[in-house]
Amino acid sequence: MSTKGRILVIDDEYLIRWSLQQNLVEHGYEVFMTASAEEGLAVMEREDPNLVLLDIQLPGMSGMELLRGIKETRPECAVVMITATSDLSVAVRAMKDGAFDYLPKPFNLDEVRITVDKALETRRLKDEVTRYREKENRQRSEERRVGKECRSRWSPYH
């Protein structure tokens, strides 16, 4: 069975993890859950999610620390931060550190799905552009090689 995407939810509040999982699974996503950043790292390694819903406030390693680690090792993975704080500077810092977006708690599950869909579509489009550019570069390289061979073969100085 094909899914719309693989999502990892990292939040220390069980009810938040559970409600996100139920809602996202119902809408075609495969969802993994953990309560800490450290567990999240292990699940990321094993399950290779397309997107991480990541709480900023976690026991042990903070969500912000994990965000920076994810962006360092897996820059293609979309990360949406979940925050209970009303301090916008935290959300701004998360965006500067590479988060796709942030969702304030309490959140609306429809809003979560829209944000997840947008993040995954943005990632898909970026991947498509990357593949297109790589294909163009290979074609240009081949054209230059063929052009060089033709010029050397037909050069009057040959």
C-alpha atoms as a PDB file:
ATOM      1  CA  MET A   1       0.000   0.000   0.000  1.00  0.00           C
ATOM      2  CA  SER A   2       1.356   3.385  -1.004  1.00  0.00           C
ATOM      3  CA  THR A   3       1.303   6.263   1.455  1.00  0.00           C
ATOM      4  CA  LYS A   4       1.313  10.029   0.931  1.00  0.00           C
ATOM      5  CA  GLY A   5       4.473  10.250   3.004  1.00  0.00           C
ATOM      6  CA  ARG A   6       6.345   9.036   6.072  1.00  0.00           C
ATOM      7  CA  ILE A   7       6.023  11.298   9.102  1.00  0.00           C
ATOM      8  CA  LEU A   8       7.819  11.177  12.425  1.00  0.00           C
ATOM      9  CA  VAL A   9       6.058  12.888  15.344  1.00  0.00           C
ATOM     10  CA  ILE A  10       8.373  13.811  18.229  1.00  0.00           C
ATOM     11  CA  ASP A  11       6.496  15.209  21.221  1.00  0.00           C
ATOM     12  CA  ASP A  12       6.691  14.323  24.902  1.00  0.00           C
ATOM     13  CA  GLU A  13       2.900  14.632  25.322  1.00  0.00           C
ATOM     14  CA  TYR A  14       1.260  11.300  24.522  1.00  0.00           C
ATOM     15  CA  LEU A  15      -2.158  12.731  23.614  1.00  0.00           C
ATOM     16  CA  ILE A  16      -0.611  15.100  21.079  1.00  0.00           C
ATOM     17  CA  ARG A  17       1.379  12.268  19.466  1.00  0.00           C
ATOM     18  CA  TRP A  18      -1.671  10.027  19.422  1.00  0.00           C
ATOM     19  CA  SER A  19      -4.062  12.626  17.945  1.00  0.00           C
ATOM     20  CA  LEU A  20      -1.560  13.585  15.255  1.00  0.00           C
ATOM     21  CA  GLN A  21      -0.939   9.949  14.395  1.00  0.00           C
ATOM     22  CA  GLN A  22      -4.642   9.082  14.204  1.00  0.00           C
ATOM     23  CA  ASN A  23      -5.450  12.069  12.024  1.00  0.00           C
ATOM     24  CA  LEU A  24      -2.500  11.689   9.658  1.00  0.00           C
ATOM     25  CA  VAL A  25      -2.919   7.914   9.257  1.00  0.00           C
ATOM     26  CA  GLU A  26      -6.585   8.512   8.432  1.00  0.00           C
ATOM     27  CA  HIS A  27      -5.427  10.808   5.622  1.00  0.00           C
ATOM     28  CA  GLY A  28      -2.983   8.371   4.054  1.00  0.00           C
ATOM     29  CA  TYR A  29       0.285   8.985   5.882  1.00  0.00           C
ATOM     30  CA  GLU A  30       2.537   6.457   7.571  1.00  0.00           C
ATOM     31  CA  VAL A  31       3.303   7.820  11.042  1.00  0.00           C
ATOM     32  CA  PHE A  32       5.989   6.972  13.622  1.00  0.00           C
ATOM     33  CA  MET A  33       5.998   8.452  17.124  1.00  0.00           C
ATOM     34  CA  THR A  34       8.577   9.108  19.837  1.00  0.00           C
ATOM     35  CA  ALA A  35       8.610  11.058  23.090  1.00  0.00           C
ATOM     36  CA  SER A  36      12.198  12.360  22.953  1.00  0.00           C
ATOM     37  CA  ALA A  37      14.772  13.747  20.548  1.00  0.00           C
ATOM     38  CA  GLU A  38      17.122  10.862  21.293  1.00  0.00           C
ATOM     39  CA  GLU A  39      14.462   8.274  20.376  1.00  0.00           C
ATOM     40  CA  GLY A  40      13.605  10.396  17.347  1.00  0.00           C
ATOM     41  CA  LEU A  41      17.161  10.143  16.045  1.00  0.00           C
ATOM     42  CA  ALA A  42      16.999   6.341  16.180  1.00  0.00           C
ATOM     43  CA  VAL A  43      13.634   6.263  14.417  1.00  0.00           C
ATOM     44  CA  MET A  44      14.894   8.697  11.755  1.00  0.00           C
ATOM     45  CA  GLU A  45      17.830   6.414  11.054  1.00  0.00           C
ATOM     46  CA  ARG A  46      15.631   3.333  10.822  1.00  0.00           C
ATOM     47  CA  GLU A  47      12.503   4.692   9.089  1.00  0.00           C
ATOM     48  CA  ASP A  48      13.815   7.577   6.926  1.00  0.00           C
ATOM     49  CA  PRO A  49      10.781   9.903   7.252  1.00  0.00           C
ATOM     50  CA  ASN A  50       9.964  12.602   4.695  1.00  0.00           C
ATOM     51  CA  LEU A  51       8.802  14.987   7.395  1.00  0.00           C
ATOM     52  CA  VAL A  52       9.228  15.485  11.139  1.00  0.00           C
ATOM     53  CA  LEU A  53       6.658  17.172  13.380  1.00  0.00           C
ATOM     54  CA  LEU A  54       8.933  18.276  16.208  1.00  0.00           C
ATOM     55  CA  ASP A  55       8.050  19.780  19.584  1.00  0.00           C
ATOM     56  CA  ILE A  56      10.389  22.593  20.614  1.00  0.00           C
ATOM     57  CA  GLN A  57      10.209  21.713  24.334  1.00  0.00           C
ATOM     58  CA  LEU A  58      11.493  18.175  24.905  1.00  0.00           C
ATOM     59  CA  PRO A  59      13.186  16.452  27.833  1.00  0.00           C
ATOM     60  CA  GLY A  60      16.914  15.982  27.280  1.00  0.00           C
ATOM     61  CA  MET A  61      17.950  17.306  23.890  1.00  0.00           C
ATOM     62  CA  SER A  62      15.707  20.216  22.863  1.00  0.00           C
ATOM     63  CA  GLY A  63      13.708  20.307  19.668  1.00  0.00           C
ATOM     64  CA  MET A  64      15.834  23.222  18.465  1.00  0.00           C
ATOM     65  CA  GLU A  65      19.031  21.186  18.907  1.00  0.00           C
ATOM     66  CA  LEU A  66      17.474  18.265  17.043  1.00  0.00           C
ATOM     67  CA  LEU A  67      16.275  20.581  14.258  1.00  0.00           C
ATOM     68  CA  ARG A  68      19.847  21.777  13.678  1.00  0.00           C
ATOM     69  CA  GLY A  69      21.075  18.166  13.685  1.00  0.00           C
ATOM     70  CA  ILE A  70      18.437  17.085  11.182  1.00  0.00           C
ATOM     71  CA  LYS A  71      19.206  19.984   8.859  1.00  0.00           C
ATOM     72  CA  GLU A  72      22.919  19.165   9.057  1.00  0.00           C
ATOM     73  CA  THR A  73      22.584  15.459   8.292  1.00  0.00           C
ATOM     74  CA  ARG A  74      19.325  15.321   6.307  1.00  0.00           C
ATOM     75  CA  PRO A  75      18.708  18.774   4.785  1.00  0.00           C
ATOM     76  CA  GLU A  76      16.041  17.355   2.465  1.00  0.00           C
ATOM     77  CA  CYS A  77      13.847  16.276   5.390  1.00  0.00           C
ATOM     78  CA  ALA A  78      11.064  18.783   6.048  1.00  0.00           C
ATOM     79  CA  VAL A  79      10.661  19.777   9.695  1.00  0.00           C
ATOM     80  CA  VAL A  80       7.592  21.473  11.148  1.00  0.00           C
ATOM     81  CA  MET A  81       8.041  22.725  14.693  1.00  0.00           C
ATOM     82  CA  ILE A  82       5.276  22.426  17.287  1.00  0.00           C
ATOM     83  CA  THR A  83       5.356  25.025  20.039  1.00  0.00           C
ATOM     84  CA  ALA A  84       3.337  25.754  23.158  1.00  0.00           C
ATOM     85  CA  THR A  85       5.140  29.050  23.664  1.00  0.00           C
ATOM     86  CA  SER A  86       3.616  32.294  22.463  1.00  0.00           C
ATOM     87  CA  ASP A  87       7.101  33.780  22.049  1.00  0.00           C
ATOM     88  CA  LEU A  88       7.367  34.413  18.309  1.00  0.00           C
ATOM     89  CA  SER A  89      11.145  34.824  18.500  1.00  0.00           C
ATOM     90  CA  VAL A  90      11.415  31.062  19.117  1.00  0.00           C
ATOM     91  CA  ALA A  91       9.432  30.328  15.949  1.00  0.00           C
ATOM     92  CA  VAL A  92      11.502  32.842  13.977  1.00  0.00           C
ATOM     93  CA  ARG A  93      14.716  31.196  15.202  1.00  0.00           C
ATOM     94  CA  ALA A  94      13.362  27.770  14.191  1.00  0.00           C
ATOM     95  CA  MET A  95      12.605  29.044  10.687  1.00  0.00           C
ATOM     96  CA  LYS A  96      16.108  30.545  10.424  1.00  0.00           C
ATOM     97  CA  ASP A  97      17.530  27.171  11.499  1.00  0.00           C
ATOM     98  CA  GLY A  98      15.720  25.432   8.643  1.00  0.00           C
ATOM     99  CA  ALA A  99      12.229  24.563   9.853  1.00  0.00           C
ATOM    100  CA  PHE A 100       9.635  24.622   7.074  1.00  0.00           C
ATOM    101  CA  ASP A 101       6.988  26.085   9.362  1.00  0.00           C
ATOM    102  CA  TYR A 102       5.738  26.034  12.937  1.00  0.00           C
ATOM    103  CA  LEU A 103       2.389  25.233  14.519  1.00  0.00           C
ATOM    104  CA  PRO A 104       1.340  26.802  17.836  1.00  0.00           C
ATOM    105  CA  LYS A 105      -0.383  24.597  20.420  1.00  0.00           C
ATOM    106  CA  PRO A 106      -3.241  24.020  20.684  1.00  0.00           C
ATOM    107  CA  PHE A 107      -3.463  23.376  16.950  1.00  0.00           C
ATOM    108  CA  ASN A 108      -6.261  22.596  14.561  1.00  0.00           C
ATOM    109  CA  LEU A 109      -5.779  19.169  12.934  1.00  0.00           C
ATOM    110  CA  ASP A 110      -6.926  20.496   9.541  1.00  0.00           C
ATOM    111  CA  GLU A 111      -4.237  23.172   9.798  1.00  0.00           C
ATOM    112  CA  VAL A 112      -1.664  20.494  10.623  1.00  0.00           C
ATOM    113  CA  ARG A 113      -2.640  18.488   7.535  1.00  0.00           C
ATOM    114  CA  ILE A 114      -2.503  21.559   5.295  1.00  0.00           C
ATOM    115  CA  THR A 115       0.963  22.420   6.623  1.00  0.00           C
ATOM    116  CA  VAL A 116       2.165  18.820   6.216  1.00  0.00           C
ATOM    117  CA  ASP A 117       0.788  18.665   2.657  1.00  0.00           C
ATOM    118  CA  LYS A 118       2.475  21.975   1.790  1.00  0.00           C
ATOM    119  CA  ALA A 119       5.811  20.909   3.281  1.00  0.00           C
ATOM    120  CA  LEU A 120       5.820  17.588   1.433  1.00  0.00           C
ATOM    121  CA  GLU A 121       4.754  19.199  -1.865  1.00  0.00           C
ATOM    122  CA  THR A 122       7.526  21.782  -1.484  1.00  0.00           C
ATOM    123  CA  ARG A 123      10.019  18.983  -0.858  1.00  0.00           C
ATOM    124  CA  ARG A 124       8.722  17.042  -3.894  1.00  0.00           C
ATOM    125  CA  LEU A 125       9.079  20.122  -6.108  1.00  0.00           C
ATOM    126  CA  LYS A 126      12.616  20.804  -4.842  1.00  0.00           C
ATOM    127  CA  ASP A 127      13.556  17.173  -5.580  1.00  0.00           C
ATOM    128  CA  GLU A 128      12.069  17.511  -9.066  1.00  0.00           C
ATOM    129  CA  VAL A 129      14.035  20.712  -9.752  1.00  0.00           C
ATOM    130  CA  THR A 130      17.233  19.038  -8.507  1.00  0.00           C
ATOM    131  CA  ARG A 131      16.676  16.028 -10.804  1.00  0.00           C
ATOM    132  CA  TYR A 132      15.936  18.344 -13.738  1.00  0.00           C
ATOM    133  CA  ARG A 133      19.103  20.387 -13.119  1.00  0.00           C
ATOM    134  CA  GLU A 134      21.215  17.232 -12.840  1.00  0.00           C
ATOM    135  CA  LYS A 135      19.764  15.941 -16.107  1.00  0.00           C
ATOM    136  CA  GLU A 136      20.442  19.309 -17.802  1.00  0.00           C
ATOM    137  CA  ASN A 137      24.032  19.334 -16.512  1.00  0.00           C
ATOM    138  CA  ARG A 138      24.632  15.793 -17.817  1.00  0.00           C
ATOM    139  CA  GLN A 139      23.212  16.754 -21.236  1.00  0.00           C
ATOM    140  CA  ARG A 140      25.325  19.924 -21.418  1.00  0.00           C
ATOM    141  CA  SER A 141      28.415  18.000 -20.399  1.00  0.00           C
ATOM    142  CA  GLU A 142      27.748  15.402 -23.108  1.00  0.00           C
ATOM    143  CA  GLU A 143      27.118  18.143 -25.701  1.00  0.00           C
ATOM    144  CA  ARG A 144      30.421  19.855 -24.794  1.00  0.00           C
ATOM    145  CA  ARG A 145      32.290  16.556 -25.042  1.00  0.00           C
ATOM    146  CA  VAL A 146      30.775  15.758 -28.455  1.00  0.00           C
ATOM    147  CA  GLY A 147      31.390  19.324 -29.647  1.00  0.00           C
ATOM    148  CA  LYS A 148      35.021  19.160 -28.550  1.00  0.00           C
ATOM    149  CA  GLU A 149      35.520  15.827 -30.358  1.00  0.00           C
ATOM    150  CA  CYS A 150      33.952  17.214 -33.525  1.00  0.00           C
ATOM    151  CA  ARG A 151      36.070  20.395 -33.434  1.00  0.00           C
ATOM    152  CA  SER A 152      39.288  18.432 -32.912  1.00  0.00           C
ATOM    153  CA  ARG A 153      38.370  15.934 -35.624  1.00  0.00           C
ATOM    154  CA  TRP A 154      37.519  18.600 -38.228  1.00  0.00           C
ATOM    155  CA  SER A 155      40.039  21.212 -37.219  1.00  0.00           C
ATOM    156  CA  PRO A 156      42.326  22.378 -40.047  1.00  0.00           C
ATOM    157  CA  TYR A 157      45.148  22.352 -37.523  1.00  0.00           C
ATOM    158  CA  HIS A 158      44.664  18.671 -36.707  1.00  0.00           C
END
